[in-house]
């Protein structure tokens, strides 16, 4: 192997000239060894974790395209180890001065090594963040039926305290009940949900409930004079009037409102 160190018979030359000449010699050895192993620059970069442009600059001896000499020495050691060369011999043959070891890095080179070393960690962190975001989004998402209900009710106004029923897309139906569970002054409505639905219940002119109820929910409301139930998914709602037989409010996906009045003696 050709020796890349300084010849003892040569006169002392500026350190920059020595570095440029020795780097060309070392670069030739690195390139020859890489070609012998049939490695492309990209594959060598993957093994060394050094960016391809820096490997090319080392092989060609382009000192001006590389960072401070102390870091060039580290690159040489790292590249030589990946190619199964004598890393310490090649790295130590590249001369550095005390000024090189103590001077600040050239602008733009400060983060080369940390970025190269932490690249895989960065990807791992991003991967974990992406998974957490996906799980959070999935857990907060609504079912298709719930979204359908929200879309249908997006235009409906919120009813304040009023005896007037809220306007809806379907004709409001009013039914009179002939009997009550306790006395003739009350109306009792039970609601059982077979599918998710947005529900609004107005008892005696006041909102008793308003919100989205999941499948399987059972609720009961009582009013003295009248009680209305508005459902965004009428086909998924069963009504029980004064504890009698249940009936379905309407069709799936249909917005329906029913109003029930207590009988008068």
Foldseek 3Di string as FASTA:
>chain_A
DDALADDPPDDDDDLVVSLLSSLQVLLCVLVVLCVVVVHDLVRLCVQLLADSVVNVCSNRSVVVVDKQLVVVLVSQLSSCVSSVHPSVSSSVRRDDDPCSVPDDIDPPCPCRVVCSVCVVVVVVVVVVVVVVVVVVVVVPDDDPLVVLLCVQCVPWDDAAQAPDDTDHPDDEAEEEDDDAQPDLQKKKKKKAFQAKKWKWKAAPRHTPDTGIDGHGDIDMDMHRFKMKMWIQAQQGMWMQINNDDIDGRDHGRHIYMYMYTRDDD
